[in-house]
Amino acid sequence: MTGQALGLVSEFLLDLYRLQEPSEVLSTVDRYARRLAPCDLLVPALTDRPSGRVTLAGVPPAFADGYARHAAEDRARTAHLRPRHAGAVRLSEVVPAPVLHRSAIWSEVLRPHRIRHVMTTCLGENPRVTGVLKMIRLDAGRDFSDAERDTLALAAPHVRLAYANAEAMRHLAAAAGRFEAVCDRIAEGALLVTPAGRVLYRNARAQALCARYFGPAARRGPAGGAALPDALRPLL
């Protein structure tokens, strides 16, 4: 790997681990992957594990429907998980061209949509969904090189972890929103306070009471470690 490519991977990973939304991870991967291994399309492919149903994002319906019908023929969809491929694999590595050109996925999906070269890398895997990213080159251009594959393989575990982290953050944010909604339905004021007297959370009723008796600085929701009003400290 060249120093320039290594520097770009380092920049990519620094950006990646700052993200808290799965959609942001995908857009960042798209931006950097096109610089690390130029391609015409970068397509997330998600497999619902209980049903086996495959969906593609950001492609024409005819392409998505055709791929879903023949996804079982796409050996690269799971080959990237094997240790010998270490996180990224070219379609040409797992299916020889003569075999590919006799397949239904070639005649009904790849050839009609001018897809000639595909590299698959990991996006994520959990009990519900297996996700991969398909990097696609159209028409008669060259296949992905060994160096491009190895660079993407180096980044693949980090993409997988960053995507899992972002999904976890999204679930935590949703849970926090539900907690807040429940607390706001309570008729009494509710404060979450540390033993040292720092306010971590207040519901809507507590906000109103604190604003009424202790001034307008009180805020609903996470309080950023604000101090409990002195008049309430004896209650600890």
Protein backbone atom coordinates (compact mmCIF):
# COMPACT_ATOMS: atom_id res chain seq x y z
CA MET A 1 0.00 0.00 0.00
CA THR A 2 1.33 3.44 -0.89
CA GLY A 3 1.83 6.15 1.71
CA GLN A 4 -0.89 8.18 0.02
CA ALA A 5 -3.40 5.32 0.28
CA LEU A 6 -2.47 4.67 3.91
CA GLY A 7 -2.95 8.36 4.72
CA LEU A 8 -6.37 8.31 3.07
CA VAL A 9 -7.37 5.19 5.04
CA SER A 10 -6.28 6.90 8.29
CA GLU A 11 -8.34 9.98 7.40
CA PHE A 12 -11.28 7.71 6.54
CA LEU A 13 -11.18 5.90 9.88
CA LEU A 14 -10.92 9.12 11.89
CA ASP A 15 -14.06 10.42 10.18
CA LEU A 16 -15.82 7.07 10.46
CA TYR A 17 -15.62 6.70 14.24
CA ARG A 18 -17.08 10.16 14.85
CA LEU A 19 -20.42 9.21 13.29
CA GLN A 20 -23.58 8.34 15.20
CA GLU A 21 -26.10 7.63 12.40
CA PRO A 22 -26.02 4.58 10.10
CA SER A 23 -26.90 6.80 7.13
CA GLU A 24 -23.86 8.98 7.89
CA VAL A 25 -21.65 5.89 7.95
CA LEU A 26 -22.95 4.85 4.52
CA SER A 27 -22.42 8.28 2.98
CA THR A 28 -18.90 8.50 4.44
CA VAL A 29 -18.03 5.02 3.18
CA ASP A 30 -19.34 5.98 -0.25
CA ARG A 31 -17.19 9.12 -0.35
CA TYR A 32 -13.94 7.45 0.72
CA ALA A 33 -14.43 4.11 -1.04
CA ARG A 34 -14.72 5.89 -4.38
CA ARG A 35 -11.33 7.50 -3.70
CA LEU A 36 -9.67 4.29 -2.50
CA ALA A 37 -11.05 2.14 -5.33
CA PRO A 38 -12.87 4.24 -7.95
CA CYS A 39 -16.21 2.75 -8.98
CA ASP A 40 -19.39 3.73 -10.78
CA LEU A 41 -21.81 2.48 -8.13
CA LEU A 42 -21.60 1.63 -4.44
CA VAL A 43 -24.68 -0.35 -3.44
CA PRO A 44 -25.66 -1.63 0.03
CA ALA A 45 -27.15 -5.14 -0.16
CA LEU A 46 -29.04 -6.29 2.94
CA THR A 47 -30.14 -9.88 3.58
CA ASP A 48 -32.93 -10.50 6.08
CA ARG A 49 -31.58 -13.62 7.76
CA PRO A 50 -34.87 -15.20 8.95
CA SER A 51 -36.50 -14.97 5.50
CA GLY A 52 -33.44 -14.84 3.25
CA ARG A 53 -34.94 -11.85 1.42
CA VAL A 54 -32.33 -9.57 -0.19
CA THR A 55 -32.82 -5.85 -0.82
CA LEU A 56 -30.59 -3.37 -2.62
CA ALA A 57 -30.56 0.37 -1.99
CA GLY A 58 -30.17 3.17 -4.52
CA VAL A 59 -30.56 1.14 -7.73
CA PRO A 60 -33.32 0.90 -10.37
CA PRO A 61 -36.21 -1.40 -9.35
CA ALA A 62 -35.52 -3.80 -12.24
CA PHE A 63 -31.95 -4.27 -11.01
CA ALA A 64 -33.01 -4.70 -7.37
CA ASP A 65 -35.78 -7.18 -8.23
CA GLY A 66 -33.58 -9.20 -10.58
CA TYR A 67 -30.77 -9.38 -8.06
CA ALA A 68 -33.16 -10.46 -5.30
CA ARG A 69 -34.39 -13.35 -7.50
CA HIS A 70 -30.87 -14.59 -8.21
CA ALA A 71 -29.00 -13.54 -5.05
CA ALA A 72 -28.26 -17.17 -4.20
CA GLU A 73 -25.98 -17.27 -7.28
CA ASP A 74 -23.86 -14.38 -5.98
CA ARG A 75 -21.06 -16.29 -4.30
CA ALA A 76 -19.31 -13.05 -3.32
CA ARG A 77 -22.22 -12.16 -1.04
CA THR A 78 -20.85 -14.47 1.67
CA ALA A 79 -17.31 -15.14 0.43
CA HIS A 80 -16.04 -11.88 1.93
CA LEU A 81 -16.61 -13.38 5.40
CA ARG A 82 -14.17 -16.24 4.81
CA PRO A 83 -10.73 -15.77 6.40
CA ARG A 84 -8.92 -16.29 3.10
CA HIS A 85 -10.64 -13.22 1.63
CA ALA A 86 -10.14 -11.09 4.77
CA GLY A 87 -13.04 -8.70 4.39
CA ALA A 88 -13.13 -7.85 0.67
CA VAL A 89 -13.41 -10.02 -2.43
CA ARG A 90 -13.72 -9.52 -6.18
CA LEU A 91 -16.42 -11.42 -8.02
CA SER A 92 -13.74 -12.68 -10.41
CA GLU A 93 -11.96 -14.37 -7.47
CA VAL A 94 -14.90 -16.59 -6.60
CA VAL A 95 -16.59 -17.15 -9.98
CA PRO A 96 -14.51 -17.74 -13.14
CA ALA A 97 -15.73 -15.67 -16.08
CA PRO A 98 -16.86 -18.70 -18.18
CA VAL A 99 -19.00 -19.94 -15.27
CA LEU A 100 -20.39 -16.47 -14.57
CA HIS A 101 -21.35 -15.94 -18.21
CA ARG A 102 -23.48 -19.11 -18.18
CA SER A 103 -25.44 -18.05 -15.08
CA ALA A 104 -28.89 -16.51 -14.83
CA ILE A 105 -27.61 -13.65 -12.67
CA TRP A 106 -25.28 -12.68 -15.54
CA SER A 107 -27.84 -12.90 -18.33
CA GLU A 108 -30.75 -11.37 -16.41
CA VAL A 109 -29.06 -8.87 -14.06
CA LEU A 110 -25.40 -8.06 -14.63
CA ARG A 111 -25.17 -7.91 -18.43
CA PRO A 112 -28.42 -5.94 -19.01
CA HIS A 113 -27.26 -3.33 -16.48
CA ARG A 114 -23.72 -3.17 -17.95
CA ILE A 115 -22.13 -4.49 -14.75
CA ARG A 116 -18.74 -6.00 -15.48
CA HIS A 117 -16.69 -5.93 -12.27
CA VAL A 118 -17.87 -6.18 -8.67
CA MET A 119 -16.05 -6.08 -5.34
CA THR A 120 -17.89 -6.97 -2.15
CA THR A 121 -16.94 -5.79 1.31
CA CYS A 122 -18.57 -6.19 4.70
CA LEU A 123 -21.01 -3.68 6.15
CA GLY A 124 -22.41 -5.52 9.14
CA GLU A 125 -23.82 -8.75 10.50
CA ASN A 126 -26.23 -9.45 13.34
CA PRO A 127 -28.92 -12.07 14.05
CA ARG A 128 -31.41 -10.14 11.90
CA VAL A 129 -29.45 -8.80 8.94
CA THR A 130 -26.28 -9.40 6.96
CA GLY A 131 -25.15 -6.34 5.05
CA VAL A 132 -22.52 -5.96 2.35
CA LEU A 133 -21.40 -3.14 0.09
CA LYS A 134 -21.17 -3.82 -3.64
CA MET A 135 -18.61 -1.69 -5.47
CA ILE A 136 -19.48 -1.85 -9.16
CA ARG A 137 -17.63 -0.92 -12.34
CA LEU A 138 -19.63 -0.68 -15.54
CA ASP A 139 -18.85 -1.54 -19.14
CA ALA A 140 -15.42 -2.72 -20.27
CA GLY A 141 -13.19 -1.08 -17.66
CA ARG A 142 -10.55 -2.95 -15.72
CA ASP A 143 -11.25 -5.18 -12.75
CA PHE A 144 -10.39 -4.01 -9.24
CA SER A 145 -6.68 -4.47 -8.51
CA ASP A 146 -5.10 -6.47 -5.69
CA ALA A 147 -4.01 -3.21 -4.07
CA GLU A 148 -7.55 -1.79 -4.18
CA ARG A 149 -8.97 -5.00 -2.73
CA ASP A 150 -6.38 -5.11 0.05
CA THR A 151 -6.99 -1.45 0.94
CA LEU A 152 -10.73 -2.01 1.24
CA ALA A 153 -10.11 -5.19 3.24
CA LEU A 154 -8.00 -3.17 5.69
CA ALA A 155 -10.86 -0.73 6.24
CA ALA A 156 -13.66 -3.35 6.28
CA PRO A 157 -13.52 -4.33 10.00
CA HIS A 158 -13.65 -0.64 10.94
CA VAL A 159 -16.65 -0.02 8.69
CA ARG A 160 -18.40 -2.97 10.28
CA LEU A 161 -17.69 -1.71 13.81
CA ALA A 162 -18.60 1.91 13.02
CA TYR A 163 -21.91 0.81 11.48
CA ALA A 164 -22.70 -1.37 14.52
CA ASN A 165 -21.83 1.54 16.84
CA ALA A 166 -24.08 3.89 14.87
CA GLU A 167 -26.98 1.42 15.01
CA ALA A 168 -26.49 1.08 18.78
CA MET A 169 -26.46 4.87 19.19
CA ARG A 170 -29.67 5.13 17.19
CA HIS A 171 -31.37 2.54 19.42
CA LEU A 172 -30.12 4.32 22.56
CA ALA A 173 -31.43 7.66 21.28
CA ALA A 174 -34.81 6.08 20.59
CA ALA A 175 -34.86 4.54 24.08
CA ALA A 176 -33.93 7.89 25.62
CA GLY A 177 -36.78 9.53 23.71
CA ARG A 178 -39.24 6.94 25.05
CA PHE A 179 -37.92 7.44 28.59
CA GLU A 180 -38.39 11.20 28.25
CA ALA A 181 -41.93 10.82 26.91
CA VAL A 182 -42.90 8.55 29.83
CA CYS A 183 -41.36 10.88 32.41
CA ASP A 184 -43.16 13.88 30.95
CA ARG A 185 -46.52 12.16 31.57
CA ILE A 186 -45.79 11.96 35.31
CA ALA A 187 -47.73 14.55 37.31
CA GLU A 188 -44.85 14.99 39.77
CA GLY A 189 -41.51 16.59 39.08
CA ALA A 190 -38.74 14.03 38.54
CA LEU A 191 -35.04 14.75 38.92
CA LEU A 192 -32.15 12.36 38.34
CA VAL A 193 -29.31 13.50 40.61
CA THR A 194 -25.81 12.20 41.39
CA PRO A 195 -24.73 11.69 45.03
CA ALA A 196 -22.68 14.88 44.66
CA GLY A 197 -25.78 16.88 43.80
CA ARG A 198 -25.35 17.21 40.03
CA VAL A 199 -28.60 17.13 38.07
CA LEU A 200 -28.45 14.63 35.22
CA TYR A 201 -32.08 14.80 34.09
CA ARG A 202 -35.33 16.65 34.81
CA ASN A 203 -38.77 16.03 33.34
CA ALA A 204 -41.18 18.72 32.12
CA ARG A 205 -42.89 19.11 35.53
CA ALA A 206 -39.54 19.46 37.32
CA GLN A 207 -38.46 22.01 34.75
CA ALA A 208 -41.55 24.09 35.40
CA LEU A 209 -41.15 23.89 39.19
CA CYS A 210 -37.44 24.70 39.11
CA ALA A 211 -38.04 27.63 36.79
CA ARG A 212 -40.83 28.89 39.05
CA TYR A 213 -38.93 28.68 42.32
CA PHE A 214 -35.25 28.82 41.37
CA GLY A 215 -35.10 30.92 38.19
CA PRO A 216 -35.30 30.42 34.42
CA ALA A 217 -31.96 28.63 34.00
CA ALA A 218 -33.51 25.20 34.63
CA ARG A 219 -33.89 23.13 31.44
CA ARG A 220 -35.90 20.03 30.64
CA GLY A 221 -34.08 16.83 29.67
CA PRO A 222 -30.35 16.12 30.15
CA ALA A 223 -29.04 18.89 32.35
CA GLY A 224 -25.34 18.69 31.57
CA GLY A 225 -24.35 18.26 35.22
CA ALA A 226 -26.01 21.43 36.54
CA ALA A 227 -25.92 21.80 40.32
CA LEU A 228 -29.02 20.97 42.35
CA PRO A 229 -30.50 24.18 43.83
CA ASP A 230 -29.21 24.71 47.38
CA ALA A 231 -32.73 24.62 48.80
CA LEU A 232 -33.16 21.03 47.58
CA ARG A 233 -29.81 19.65 48.76
CA PRO A 234 -31.13 18.64 52.23
CA LEU A 235 -33.41 16.18 50.42
CA LEU A 236 -30.43 14.09 49.24
